[in-house]
Amino acid sequence: MVLVSTAGFSAEVMENPYQAIAARNPFHLVSPAVRRPELPPPPPLVLPRIVMTGVTDVCGSPQVLMEIGDPGKPAIKPVLREGEGEPFSDVLILGIDVHG
């Protein structure tokens, strides 16, 4: 008989004491039903095709000959020195080793 009365008492005590905290929502949690719509993934990054066609040392100034082709655009063929860049394709020449 004692076991039955203890079991009835423990059922009343086992009520979740933290339910009041969840009802107050002190952390401003978003319920699963109010989720924000997901953004579509960003488009894939398309890099230009860069081909070094040659290296020259004309008049003591090392230069690199390149062919830069962006998709859907005609290829440009710049001749660049060290430190120069191609403004239309964001290419910058850091160094040229003519004898390597």
PDB file of N, CA and C in Angstrom:
ATOM      1  N   MET A   1       0.807  -1.176   0.000  1.00  0.00           N
ATOM      2  CA  MET A   1       0.000   0.000   0.000  1.00  0.00           C
ATOM      3  C   MET A   1       0.860   1.255   0.000  1.00  0.00           C
ATOM      4  N   VAL A   2       1.931   1.173   0.650  1.00  0.00           N
ATOM      5  CA  VAL A   2       2.837   2.312   0.700  1.00  0.00           C
ATOM      6  C   VAL A   2       3.420   2.574  -0.679  1.00  0.00           C
ATOM      7  N   LEU A   3       3.689   1.526  -1.409  1.00  0.00           N
ATOM      8  CA  LEU A   3       4.238   1.674  -2.748  1.00  0.00           C
ATOM      9  C   LEU A   3       3.275   2.398  -3.677  1.00  0.00           C
ATOM     10  N   VAL A   4       2.021   2.116  -3.580  1.00  0.00           N
ATOM     11  CA  VAL A   4       1.024   2.725  -4.453  1.00  0.00           C
ATOM     12  C   VAL A   4       0.915   4.217  -4.156  1.00  0.00           C
ATOM     13  N   SER A   5       0.920   4.596  -2.906  1.00  0.00           N
ATOM     14  CA  SER A   5       0.792   6.011  -2.556  1.00  0.00           C
ATOM     15  C   SER A   5       2.059   6.778  -2.954  1.00  0.00           C
ATOM     16  N   THR A   6       3.200   6.161  -2.883  1.00  0.00           N
ATOM     17  CA  THR A   6       4.435   6.813  -3.297  1.00  0.00           C
ATOM     18  C   THR A   6       4.457   6.983  -4.805  1.00  0.00           C
ATOM     19  N   ALA A   7       3.962   6.010  -5.548  1.00  0.00           N
ATOM     20  CA  ALA A   7       3.926   6.100  -6.998  1.00  0.00           C
ATOM     21  C   ALA A   7       2.997   7.229  -7.425  1.00  0.00           C
ATOM     22  N   GLY A   8       1.863   7.390  -6.760  1.00  0.00           N
ATOM     23  CA  GLY A   8       0.941   8.481  -7.083  1.00  0.00           C
ATOM     24  C   GLY A   8       1.562   9.834  -6.766  1.00  0.00           C
ATOM     25  N   PHE A   9       2.320   9.932  -5.713  1.00  0.00           N
ATOM     26  CA  PHE A   9       2.973  11.175  -5.315  1.00  0.00           C
ATOM     27  C   PHE A   9       4.070  11.554  -6.295  1.00  0.00           C
ATOM     28  N   SER A  10       4.835  10.570  -6.767  1.00  0.00           N
ATOM     29  CA  SER A  10       5.936  10.863  -7.682  1.00  0.00           C
ATOM     30  C   SER A  10       5.425  11.286  -9.047  1.00  0.00           C
ATOM     31  N   ALA A  11       4.230  10.854  -9.437  1.00  0.00           N
ATOM     32  CA  ALA A  11       3.680  11.264 -10.729  1.00  0.00           C
ATOM     33  C   ALA A  11       3.350  12.748 -10.727  1.00  0.00           C
ATOM     34  N   GLU A  12       2.923  13.282  -9.608  1.00  0.00           N
ATOM     35  CA  GLU A  12       2.613  14.707  -9.511  1.00  0.00           C
ATOM     36  C   GLU A  12       3.892  15.542  -9.486  1.00  0.00           C
ATOM     37  N   VAL A  13       4.930  15.054  -8.880  1.00  0.00           N
ATOM     38  CA  VAL A  13       6.181  15.781  -8.744  1.00  0.00           C
ATOM     39  C   VAL A  13       6.960  15.767 -10.055  1.00  0.00           C
ATOM     40  N   MET A  14       6.768  14.759 -10.909  1.00  0.00           N
ATOM     41  CA  MET A  14       7.553  14.629 -12.119  1.00  0.00           C
ATOM     42  C   MET A  14       7.134  15.619 -13.210  1.00  0.00           C
ATOM     43  N   GLU A  15       6.219  16.536 -12.905  1.00  0.00           N
ATOM     44  CA  GLU A  15       5.864  17.555 -13.879  1.00  0.00           C
ATOM     45  C   GLU A  15       7.121  18.386 -14.176  1.00  0.00           C
ATOM     46  N   ASN A  16       7.285  18.798 -15.411  1.00  0.00           N
ATOM     47  CA  ASN A  16       8.502  19.484 -15.834  1.00  0.00           C
ATOM     48  C   ASN A  16       8.608  20.848 -15.159  1.00  0.00           C
ATOM     49  N   PRO A  17       9.587  21.027 -14.261  1.00  0.00           N
ATOM     50  CA  PRO A  17       9.712  22.314 -13.561  1.00  0.00           C
ATOM     51  C   PRO A  17      10.244  23.431 -14.470  1.00  0.00           C
ATOM     52  N   TYR A  18      10.772  23.089 -15.630  1.00  0.00           N
ATOM     53  CA  TYR A  18      11.345  24.088 -16.525  1.00  0.00           C
ATOM     54  C   TYR A  18      10.364  24.559 -17.598  1.00  0.00           C
ATOM     55  N   GLN A  19       9.141  24.060 -17.565  1.00  0.00           N
ATOM     56  CA  GLN A  19       8.150  24.436 -18.565  1.00  0.00           C
ATOM     57  C   GLN A  19       7.816  25.924 -18.491  1.00  0.00           C
ATOM     58  N   ALA A  20       7.865  26.510 -17.325  1.00  0.00           N
ATOM     59  CA  ALA A  20       7.575  27.946 -17.172  1.00  0.00           C
ATOM     60  C   ALA A  20       8.626  28.787 -17.890  1.00  0.00           C
ATOM     61  N   ILE A  21       9.876  28.352 -17.898  1.00  0.00           N
ATOM     62  CA  ILE A  21      10.941  29.072 -18.603  1.00  0.00           C
ATOM     63  C   ILE A  21      10.701  29.015 -20.104  1.00  0.00           C
ATOM     64  N   ALA A  22      10.323  27.852 -20.599  1.00  0.00           N
ATOM     65  CA  ALA A  22      10.049  27.720 -22.027  1.00  0.00           C
ATOM     66  C   ALA A  22       8.854  28.571 -22.435  1.00  0.00           C
ATOM     67  N   ALA A  23       7.864  28.691 -21.588  1.00  0.00           N
ATOM     68  CA  ALA A  23       6.686  29.495 -21.910  1.00  0.00           C
ATOM     69  C   ALA A  23       7.033  30.988 -21.965  1.00  0.00           C
ATOM     70  N   ARG A  24       7.957  31.450 -21.133  1.00  0.00           N
ATOM     71  CA  ARG A  24       8.361  32.865 -21.142  1.00  0.00           C
ATOM     72  C   ARG A  24       9.206  33.201 -22.364  1.00  0.00           C
ATOM     73  N   ASN A  25       9.933  32.223 -22.928  1.00  0.00           N
ATOM     74  CA  ASN A  25      10.798  32.402 -24.094  1.00  0.00           C
ATOM     75  C   ASN A  25      11.816  33.532 -23.847  1.00  0.00           C
ATOM     76  N   PRO A  26      12.652  33.440 -22.795  1.00  0.00           N
ATOM     77  CA  PRO A  26      13.570  34.543 -22.486  1.00  0.00           C
ATOM     78  C   PRO A  26      14.682  34.735 -23.514  1.00  0.00           C
ATOM     79  N   PHE A  27      14.955  33.729 -24.332  1.00  0.00           N
ATOM     80  CA  PHE A  27      16.023  33.848 -25.319  1.00  0.00           C
ATOM     81  C   PHE A  27      15.491  34.223 -26.698  1.00  0.00           C
ATOM     82  N   HIS A  28      14.197  34.483 -26.790  1.00  0.00           N
ATOM     83  CA  HIS A  28      13.538  34.870 -28.050  1.00  0.00           C
ATOM     84  C   HIS A  28      13.809  33.850 -29.153  1.00  0.00           C
ATOM     85  N   LEU A  29      13.622  32.601 -28.804  1.00  0.00           N
ATOM     86  CA  LEU A  29      13.829  31.525 -29.763  1.00  0.00           C
ATOM     87  C   LEU A  29      12.706  31.516 -30.782  1.00  0.00           C
ATOM     88  N   VAL A  30      13.045  31.204 -32.014  1.00  0.00           N
ATOM     89  CA  VAL A  30      12.058  31.142 -33.082  1.00  0.00           C
ATOM     90  C   VAL A  30      11.476  29.740 -33.099  1.00  0.00           C
ATOM     91  N   SER A  31      10.165  29.658 -33.135  1.00  0.00           N
ATOM     92  CA  SER A  31       9.549  28.339 -33.169  1.00  0.00           C
ATOM     93  C   SER A  31       9.774  27.716 -34.540  1.00  0.00           C
ATOM     94  N   PRO A  32       9.763  26.398 -34.634  1.00  0.00           N
ATOM     95  CA  PRO A  32      10.022  25.751 -35.920  1.00  0.00           C
ATOM     96  C   PRO A  32       9.023  26.140 -37.009  1.00  0.00           C
ATOM     97  N   ALA A  33       7.816  26.559 -36.660  1.00  0.00           N
ATOM     98  CA  ALA A  33       6.813  26.912 -37.658  1.00  0.00           C
ATOM     99  C   ALA A  33       7.088  28.277 -38.294  1.00  0.00           C
ATOM    100  N   VAL A  34       7.944  29.109 -37.697  1.00  0.00           N
ATOM    101  CA  VAL A  34       8.180  30.457 -38.188  1.00  0.00           C
ATOM    102  C   VAL A  34       9.591  30.587 -38.750  1.00  0.00           C
ATOM    103  N   ARG A  35      10.058  29.622 -39.466  1.00  0.00           N
ATOM    104  CA  ARG A  35      11.409  29.686 -40.028  1.00  0.00           C
ATOM    105  C   ARG A  35      11.447  30.657 -41.194  1.00  0.00           C
ATOM    106  N   ARG A  36      12.584  31.279 -41.363  1.00  0.00           N
ATOM    107  CA  ARG A  36      12.772  32.196 -42.482  1.00  0.00           C
ATOM    108  C   ARG A  36      13.028  31.391 -43.747  1.00  0.00           C
ATOM    109  N   PRO A  37      12.571  31.904 -44.888  1.00  0.00           N
ATOM    110  CA  PRO A  37      12.837  31.161 -46.131  1.00  0.00           C
ATOM    111  C   PRO A  37      14.332  31.142 -46.438  1.00  0.00           C
ATOM    112  N   GLU A  38      14.778  30.032 -46.957  1.00  0.00           N
ATOM    113  CA  GLU A  38      16.199  29.900 -47.278  1.00  0.00           C
ATOM    114  C   GLU A  38      16.512  30.658 -48.555  1.00  0.00           C
ATOM    115  N   LEU A  39      17.669  31.300 -48.584  1.00  0.00           N
ATOM    116  CA  LEU A  39      18.103  32.022 -49.772  1.00  0.00           C
ATOM    117  C   LEU A  39      18.613  31.036 -50.811  1.00  0.00           C
ATOM    118  N   PRO A  40      18.430  31.352 -52.078  1.00  0.00           N
ATOM    119  CA  PRO A  40      18.988  30.449 -53.095  1.00  0.00           C
ATOM    120  C   PRO A  40      20.510  30.500 -53.053  1.00  0.00           C
ATOM    121  N   PRO A  41      21.168  29.417 -53.421  1.00  0.00           N
ATOM    122  CA  PRO A  41      22.637  29.417 -53.387  1.00  0.00           C
ATOM    123  C   PRO A  41      23.180  30.428 -54.390  1.00  0.00           C
ATOM    124  N   PRO A  42      24.343  31.026 -54.094  1.00  0.00           N
ATOM    125  CA  PRO A  42      24.917  31.991 -55.026  1.00  0.00           C
ATOM    126  C   PRO A  42      25.328  31.304 -56.325  1.00  0.00           C
ATOM    127  N   PRO A  43      25.342  32.052 -57.417  1.00  0.00           N
ATOM    128  CA  PRO A  43      25.748  31.432 -58.680  1.00  0.00           C
ATOM    129  C   PRO A  43      27.213  31.015 -58.613  1.00  0.00           C
ATOM    130  N   PRO A  44      27.601  29.977 -59.340  1.00  0.00           N
ATOM    131  CA  PRO A  44      28.999  29.530 -59.291  1.00  0.00           C
ATOM    132  C   PRO A  44      29.930  30.602 -59.842  1.00  0.00           C
ATOM    133  N   LEU A  45      31.092  30.703 -59.252  1.00  0.00           N
ATOM    134  CA  LEU A  45      32.097  31.668 -59.668  1.00  0.00           C
ATOM    135  C   LEU A  45      32.769  31.169 -60.947  1.00  0.00           C
ATOM    136  N   VAL A  46      32.711  31.994 -61.982  1.00  0.00           N
ATOM    137  CA  VAL A  46      33.315  31.623 -63.259  1.00  0.00           C
ATOM    138  C   VAL A  46      34.617  32.418 -63.402  1.00  0.00           C
ATOM    139  N   LEU A  47      35.727  31.719 -63.397  1.00  0.00           N
ATOM    140  CA  LEU A  47      37.032  32.363 -63.510  1.00  0.00           C
ATOM    141  C   LEU A  47      37.432  32.497 -64.972  1.00  0.00           C
ATOM    142  N   PRO A  48      38.192  33.546 -65.297  1.00  0.00           N
ATOM    143  CA  PRO A  48      38.645  33.686 -66.681  1.00  0.00           C
ATOM    144  C   PRO A  48      39.700  32.631 -67.010  1.00  0.00           C
ATOM    145  N   ARG A  49      39.811  32.304 -68.282  1.00  0.00           N
ATOM    146  CA  ARG A  49      40.833  31.361 -68.736  1.00  0.00           C
ATOM    147  C   ARG A  49      42.088  32.178 -69.026  1.00  0.00           C
ATOM    148  N   ILE A  50      43.171  31.900 -68.317  1.00  0.00           N
ATOM    149  CA  ILE A  50      44.429  32.643 -68.460  1.00  0.00           C
ATOM    150  C   ILE A  50      45.502  31.687 -68.957  1.00  0.00           C
ATOM    151  N   VAL A  51      46.101  32.027 -70.102  1.00  0.00           N
ATOM    152  CA  VAL A  51      47.156  31.196 -70.681  1.00  0.00           C
ATOM    153  C   VAL A  51      48.375  32.082 -70.920  1.00  0.00           C
ATOM    154  N   MET A  52      49.512  31.680 -70.374  1.00  0.00           N
ATOM    155  CA  MET A  52      50.750  32.398 -70.649  1.00  0.00           C
ATOM    156  C   MET A  52      51.310  31.857 -71.961  1.00  0.00           C
ATOM    157  N   THR A  53      51.373  32.707 -72.965  1.00  0.00           N
ATOM    158  CA  THR A  53      51.817  32.255 -74.286  1.00  0.00           C
ATOM    159  C   THR A  53      53.308  32.470 -74.502  1.00  0.00           C
ATOM    160  N   GLY A  54      53.946  33.275 -73.669  1.00  0.00           N
ATOM    161  CA  GLY A  54      55.381  33.467 -73.842  1.00  0.00           C
ATOM    162  C   GLY A  54      55.977  34.426 -72.838  1.00  0.00           C
ATOM    163  N   VAL A  55      57.306  34.416 -72.764  1.00  0.00           N
ATOM    164  CA  VAL A  55      58.074  35.321 -71.912  1.00  0.00           C
ATOM    165  C   VAL A  55      59.176  35.909 -72.774  1.00  0.00           C
ATOM    166  N   THR A  56      59.404  37.206 -72.643  1.00  0.00           N
ATOM    167  CA  THR A  56      60.429  37.847 -73.435  1.00  0.00           C
ATOM    168  C   THR A  56      61.258  38.776 -72.560  1.00  0.00           C
ATOM    169  N   ASP A  57      62.461  39.096 -73.058  1.00  0.00           N
ATOM    170  CA  ASP A  57      63.389  39.989 -72.357  1.00  0.00           C
ATOM    171  C   ASP A  57      63.897  41.034 -73.353  1.00  0.00           C
ATOM    172  N   VAL A  58      62.997  41.630 -74.085  1.00  0.00           N
ATOM    173  CA  VAL A  58      63.363  42.599 -75.108  1.00  0.00           C
ATOM    174  C   VAL A  58      63.867  43.884 -74.441  1.00  0.00           C
ATOM    175  N   CYS A  59      65.024  44.351 -74.863  1.00  0.00           N
ATOM    176  CA  CYS A  59      65.642  45.593 -74.348  1.00  0.00           C
ATOM    177  C   CYS A  59      65.865  45.561 -72.839  1.00  0.00           C
ATOM    178  N   GLY A  60      66.094  44.384 -72.280  1.00  0.00           N
ATOM    179  CA  GLY A  60      66.412  44.266 -70.852  1.00  0.00           C
ATOM    180  C   GLY A  60      65.212  44.371 -69.933  1.00  0.00           C
ATOM    181  N   SER A  61      64.010  44.440 -70.442  1.00  0.00           N
ATOM    182  CA  SER A  61      62.805  44.541 -69.625  1.00  0.00           C
ATOM    183  C   SER A  61      61.994  43.245 -69.765  1.00  0.00           C
ATOM    184  N   PRO A  62      61.952  42.403 -68.723  1.00  0.00           N
ATOM    185  CA  PRO A  62      61.201  41.153 -68.838  1.00  0.00           C
ATOM    186  C   PRO A  62      59.699  41.424 -68.951  1.00  0.00           C
ATOM    187  N   GLN A  63      59.074  40.730 -69.893  1.00  0.00           N
ATOM    188  CA  GLN A  63      57.640  40.867 -70.121  1.00  0.00           C
ATOM    189  C   GLN A  63      57.029  39.494 -70.318  1.00  0.00           C
ATOM    190  N   VAL A  64      55.744  39.404 -70.031  1.00  0.00           N
ATOM    191  CA  VAL A  64      55.019  38.154 -70.218  1.00  0.00           C
ATOM    192  C   VAL A  64      53.895  38.403 -71.222  1.00  0.00           C
ATOM    193  N   LEU A  65      53.741  37.464 -72.147  1.00  0.00           N
ATOM    194  CA  LEU A  65      52.683  37.525 -73.141  1.00  0.00           C
ATOM    195  C   LEU A  65      51.577  36.584 -72.668  1.00  0.00           C
ATOM    196  N   MET A  66      50.340  37.101 -72.618  1.00  0.00           N
ATOM    197  CA  MET A  66      49.235  36.327 -72.060  1.00  0.00           C
ATOM    198  C   MET A  66      48.037  36.353 -72.994  1.00  0.00           C
ATOM    199  N   GLU A  67      47.162  35.406 -72.777  1.00  0.00           N
ATOM    200  CA  GLU A  67      45.859  35.386 -73.436  1.00  0.00           C
ATOM    201  C   GLU A  67      44.818  35.165 -72.347  1.00  0.00           C
ATOM    202  N   ILE A  68      43.937  36.162 -72.173  1.00  0.00           N
ATOM    203  CA  ILE A  68      42.933  36.118 -71.114  1.00  0.00           C
ATOM    204  C   ILE A  68      41.567  36.074 -71.777  1.00  0.00           C
ATOM    205  N   GLY A  69      40.825  35.035 -71.504  1.00  0.00           N
ATOM    206  CA  GLY A  69      39.513  34.873 -72.118  1.00  0.00           C
ATOM    207  C   GLY A  69      38.420  34.708 -71.091  1.00  0.00           C
ATOM    208  N   ASP A  70      37.533  35.688 -70.979  1.00  0.00           N
ATOM    209  CA  ASP A  70      36.359  35.570 -70.130  1.00  0.00           C
ATOM    210  C   ASP A  70      35.265  34.866 -70.922  1.00  0.00           C
ATOM    211  N   PRO A  71      34.454  34.039 -70.271  1.00  0.00           N
ATOM    212  CA  PRO A  71      33.376  33.353 -70.990  1.00  0.00           C
ATOM    213  C   PRO A  71      32.409  34.361 -71.621  1.00  0.00           C
ATOM    214  N   GLY A  72      32.141  34.182 -72.891  1.00  0.00           N
ATOM    215  CA  GLY A  72      31.217  35.057 -73.593  1.00  0.00           C
ATOM    216  C   GLY A  72      31.827  36.338 -74.115  1.00  0.00           C
ATOM    217  N   LYS A  73      33.122  36.522 -73.944  1.00  0.00           N
ATOM    218  CA  LYS A  73      33.802  37.734 -74.409  1.00  0.00           C
ATOM    219  C   LYS A  73      34.991  37.325 -75.272  1.00  0.00           C
ATOM    220  N   PRO A  74      35.411  38.197 -76.194  1.00  0.00           N
ATOM    221  CA  PRO A  74      36.610  37.865 -76.972  1.00  0.00           C
ATOM    222  C   PRO A  74      37.857  37.915 -76.090  1.00  0.00           C
ATOM    223  N   ALA A  75      38.842  37.099 -76.421  1.00  0.00           N
ATOM    224  CA  ALA A  75      40.084  37.036 -75.641  1.00  0.00           C
ATOM    225  C   ALA A  75      40.912  38.286 -75.861  1.00  0.00           C
ATOM    226  N   ILE A  76      41.556  38.748 -74.787  1.00  0.00           N
ATOM    227  CA  ILE A  76      42.500  39.865 -74.895  1.00  0.00           C
ATOM    228  C   ILE A  76      43.902  39.293 -74.756  1.00  0.00           C
ATOM    229  N   LYS A  77      44.859  39.947 -75.418  1.00  0.00           N
ATOM    230  CA  LYS A  77      46.234  39.437 -75.427  1.00  0.00           C
ATOM    231  C   LYS A  77      47.196  40.532 -74.982  1.00  0.00           C
ATOM    232  N   PRO A  78      47.299  40.761 -73.673  1.00  0.00           N
ATOM    233  CA  PRO A  78      48.185  41.810 -73.179  1.00  0.00           C
ATOM    234  C   PRO A  78      49.637  41.350 -73.097  1.00  0.00           C
ATOM    235  N   VAL A  79      50.536  42.329 -73.118  1.00  0.00           N
ATOM    236  CA  VAL A  79      51.961  42.117 -72.864  1.00  0.00           C
ATOM    237  C   VAL A  79      52.256  42.955 -71.621  1.00  0.00           C
ATOM    238  N   LEU A  80      52.598  42.280 -70.515  1.00  0.00           N
ATOM    239  CA  LEU A  80      52.713  42.953 -69.229  1.00  0.00           C
ATOM    240  C   LEU A  80      54.104  42.799 -68.632  1.00  0.00           C
ATOM    241  N   ARG A  81      54.537  43.825 -67.898  1.00  0.00           N
ATOM    242  CA  ARG A  81      55.801  43.789 -67.135  1.00  0.00           C
ATOM    243  C   ARG A  81      55.495  43.463 -65.686  1.00  0.00           C
ATOM    244  N   GLU A  82      56.558  43.281 -64.887  1.00  0.00           N
ATOM    245  CA  GLU A  82      56.381  43.038 -63.454  1.00  0.00           C
ATOM    246  C   GLU A  82      55.702  44.241 -62.825  1.00  0.00           C
ATOM    247  N   GLY A  83      54.714  43.984 -61.977  1.00  0.00           N
ATOM    248  CA  GLY A  83      53.993  45.045 -61.286  1.00  0.00           C
ATOM    249  C   GLY A  83      52.830  45.613 -62.088  1.00  0.00           C
ATOM    250  N   GLU A  84      52.718  45.280 -63.358  1.00  0.00           N
ATOM    251  CA  GLU A  84      51.615  45.768 -64.167  1.00  0.00           C
ATOM    252  C   GLU A  84      50.435  44.812 -64.045  1.00  0.00           C
ATOM    253  N   GLY A  85      49.268  45.330 -64.354  1.00  0.00           N
ATOM    254  CA  GLY A  85      48.074  44.509 -64.294  1.00  0.00           C
ATOM    255  C   GLY A  85      47.150  44.801 -65.452  1.00  0.00           C
ATOM    256  N   GLU A  86      46.242  43.897 -65.673  1.00  0.00           N
ATOM    257  CA  GLU A  86      45.221  44.049 -66.702  1.00  0.00           C
ATOM    258  C   GLU A  86      43.941  44.478 -65.990  1.00  0.00           C
ATOM    259  N   PRO A  87      43.491  45.731 -66.190  1.00  0.00           N
ATOM    260  CA  PRO A  87      42.354  46.229 -65.402  1.00  0.00           C
ATOM    261  C   PRO A  87      41.026  45.543 -65.718  1.00  0.00           C
ATOM    262  N   PHE A  88      40.852  45.002 -66.915  1.00  0.00           N
ATOM    263  CA  PHE A  88      39.570  44.422 -67.278  1.00  0.00           C
ATOM    264  C   PHE A  88      39.390  43.019 -66.727  1.00  0.00           C
ATOM    265  N   SER A  89      40.463  42.349 -66.352  1.00  0.00           N
ATOM    266  CA  SER A  89      40.338  40.980 -65.842  1.00  0.00           C
ATOM    267  C   SER A  89      40.966  40.809 -64.465  1.00  0.00           C
ATOM    268  N   ASP A  90      41.408  41.876 -63.834  1.00  0.00           N
ATOM    269  CA  ASP A  90      41.997  41.831 -62.487  1.00  0.00           C
ATOM    270  C   ASP A  90      43.204  40.907 -62.399  1.00  0.00           C
ATOM    271  N   VAL A  91      44.043  40.888 -63.426  1.00  0.00           N
ATOM    272  CA  VAL A  91      45.266  40.095 -63.431  1.00  0.00           C
ATOM    273  C   VAL A  91      46.420  41.019 -63.085  1.00  0.00           C
ATOM    274  N   LEU A  92      47.286  40.596 -62.160  1.00  0.00           N
ATOM    275  CA  LEU A  92      48.451  41.378 -61.755  1.00  0.00           C
ATOM    276  C   LEU A  92      49.679  40.483 -61.841  1.00  0.00           C
ATOM    277  N   ILE A  93      50.735  40.970 -62.490  1.00  0.00           N
ATOM    278  CA  ILE A  93      51.979  40.222 -62.629  1.00  0.00           C
ATOM    279  C   ILE A  93      52.859  40.547 -61.431  1.00  0.00           C
ATOM    280  N   LEU A  94      53.143  39.546 -60.623  1.00  0.00           N
ATOM    281  CA  LEU A  94      53.973  39.735 -59.432  1.00  0.00           C
ATOM    282  C   LEU A  94      55.449  39.596 -59.731  1.00  0.00           C
ATOM    283  N   GLY A  95      55.813  38.692 -60.580  1.00  0.00           N
ATOM    284  CA  GLY A  95      57.231  38.493 -60.902  1.00  0.00           C
ATOM    285  C   GLY A  95      57.396  37.676 -62.165  1.00  0.00           C
ATOM    286  N   ILE A  96      58.526  37.914 -62.870  1.00  0.00           N
ATOM    287  CA  ILE A  96      58.831  37.184 -64.101  1.00  0.00           C
ATOM    288  C   ILE A  96      60.239  36.653 -63.984  1.00  0.00           C
ATOM    289  N   ASP A  97      60.421  35.360 -64.225  1.00  0.00           N
ATOM    290  CA  ASP A  97      61.733  34.730 -64.233  1.00  0.00           C
ATOM    291  C   ASP A  97      62.023  34.280 -65.670  1.00  0.00           C
ATOM    292  N   VAL A  98      62.763  35.105 -66.402  1.00  0.00           N
ATOM    293  CA  VAL A  98      63.043  34.827 -67.805  1.00  0.00           C
ATOM    294  C   VAL A  98      63.993  33.656 -67.952  1.00  0.00           C
ATOM    295  N   HIS A  99      64.928  33.488 -67.016  1.00  0.00           N
ATOM    296  CA  HIS A  99      65.983  32.484 -67.143  1.00  0.00           C
ATOM    297  C   HIS A  99      65.603  31.160 -66.478  1.00  0.00           C
ATOM    298  N   GLY A 100      64.417  31.064 -65.911  1.00  0.00           N
ATOM    299  CA  GLY A 100      64.017  29.858 -65.182  1.00  0.00           C
ATOM    300  C   GLY A 100      63.480  28.846 -66.040  1.00  0.00           C
TER     301      GLY A 100
END
